[in-house]
Amino acid sequence: MPGLQDTPRPEIDRLISFSEALSRIGVSRSTAYRHIADGQMPQPVKIGALTFFSERELQTWIAEKLAARVMRGANV
């Protein structure tokens, strides 16, 4: 019977605060809310009155934006 160390573990995601997310992407709170409403940014997670983002989803979103920028530059 395999031991626990042989069992693959899912990557752990963590929640980051709205303020932390804003500092990572460099936009204002109102711009972030507009992008969320337009579906252009990952949906936040509400816990009570607090708002968080999945760190993994936010990092993926940033990577997609950077990749799109590179692709647009390659097509020029």
Protein backbone atom coordinates (compact mmCIF):
# COMPACT_ATOMS: atom_id res chain seq x y z
CA MET A 1 0.00 0.00 0.00
CA PRO A 2 1.55 3.33 -1.03
CA GLY A 3 2.46 5.82 1.65
CA LEU A 4 1.09 9.35 1.92
CA GLN A 5 4.25 10.75 0.36
CA ASP A 6 3.38 8.83 -2.84
CA THR A 7 -0.03 10.49 -3.12
CA PRO A 8 -0.02 13.58 -5.35
CA ARG A 9 -1.27 16.64 -3.52
CA PRO A 10 -3.29 19.34 -5.23
CA GLU A 11 -1.60 22.72 -5.34
CA ILE A 12 -2.70 24.86 -2.46
CA ASP A 13 -4.41 28.08 -3.45
CA ARG A 14 -4.71 30.96 -1.06
CA LEU A 15 -6.91 33.99 -0.84
CA ILE A 16 -5.35 37.42 -1.05
CA SER A 17 -7.02 40.64 0.04
CA PHE A 18 -8.57 43.06 -2.41
CA SER A 19 -5.87 45.59 -1.48
CA GLU A 20 -3.11 43.07 -2.20
CA ALA A 21 -4.70 42.25 -5.57
CA LEU A 22 -4.90 45.96 -6.45
CA SER A 23 -1.25 46.44 -5.60
CA ARG A 24 -0.26 43.47 -7.78
CA ILE A 25 -2.14 44.68 -10.85
CA GLY A 26 -1.72 48.42 -10.34
CA VAL A 27 -5.28 49.61 -10.87
CA SER A 28 -7.67 51.59 -8.71
CA ARG A 29 -10.49 49.98 -6.75
CA SER A 30 -13.12 51.46 -9.10
CA THR A 31 -11.27 50.18 -12.19
CA ALA A 32 -11.03 46.70 -10.64
CA TYR A 33 -14.78 46.69 -9.88
CA ARG A 34 -15.51 47.76 -13.46
CA HIS A 35 -13.30 44.94 -14.85
CA ILE A 36 -15.02 42.44 -12.53
CA ALA A 37 -18.48 43.61 -13.64
CA ASP A 38 -17.43 43.37 -17.31
CA GLY A 39 -16.09 39.84 -16.81
CA GLN A 40 -12.56 41.00 -17.67
CA MET A 41 -11.11 40.07 -14.28
CA PRO A 42 -11.54 37.05 -11.99
CA GLN A 43 -14.53 37.12 -9.67
CA PRO A 44 -13.66 37.87 -6.05
CA VAL A 45 -14.60 35.72 -3.08
CA LYS A 46 -16.71 37.39 -0.39
CA ILE A 47 -16.34 36.25 3.21
CA GLY A 48 -18.63 38.35 5.33
CA ALA A 49 -17.82 41.98 4.58
CA LEU A 50 -14.33 41.14 3.29
CA THR A 51 -13.36 40.65 -0.35
CA PHE A 52 -10.57 38.34 -1.48
CA PHE A 53 -9.19 36.93 -4.72
CA SER A 54 -7.87 33.49 -5.47
CA GLU A 55 -4.13 34.03 -5.82
CA ARG A 56 -3.94 31.32 -8.49
CA GLU A 57 -6.78 32.83 -10.55
CA LEU A 58 -5.25 36.29 -10.33
CA GLN A 59 -1.80 35.02 -11.36
CA THR A 60 -3.34 33.12 -14.28
CA TRP A 61 -5.23 36.24 -15.37
CA ILE A 62 -2.04 38.33 -15.24
CA ALA A 63 -0.15 35.68 -17.24
CA GLU A 64 -2.91 35.65 -19.87
CA LYS A 65 -2.76 39.44 -20.18
CA LEU A 66 1.02 39.31 -20.61
CA ALA A 67 0.78 36.53 -23.19
CA ALA A 68 -1.84 38.49 -25.15
CA ARG A 69 0.46 41.51 -25.15
CA VAL A 70 3.32 39.41 -26.51
CA MET A 71 1.06 37.91 -29.21
CA ARG A 72 -0.17 41.36 -30.31
CA GLY A 73 3.46 42.49 -30.59
CA ALA A 74 4.35 39.45 -32.71
CA ASN A 75 1.55 40.24 -35.18
CA VAL A 76 2.73 43.79 -35.87
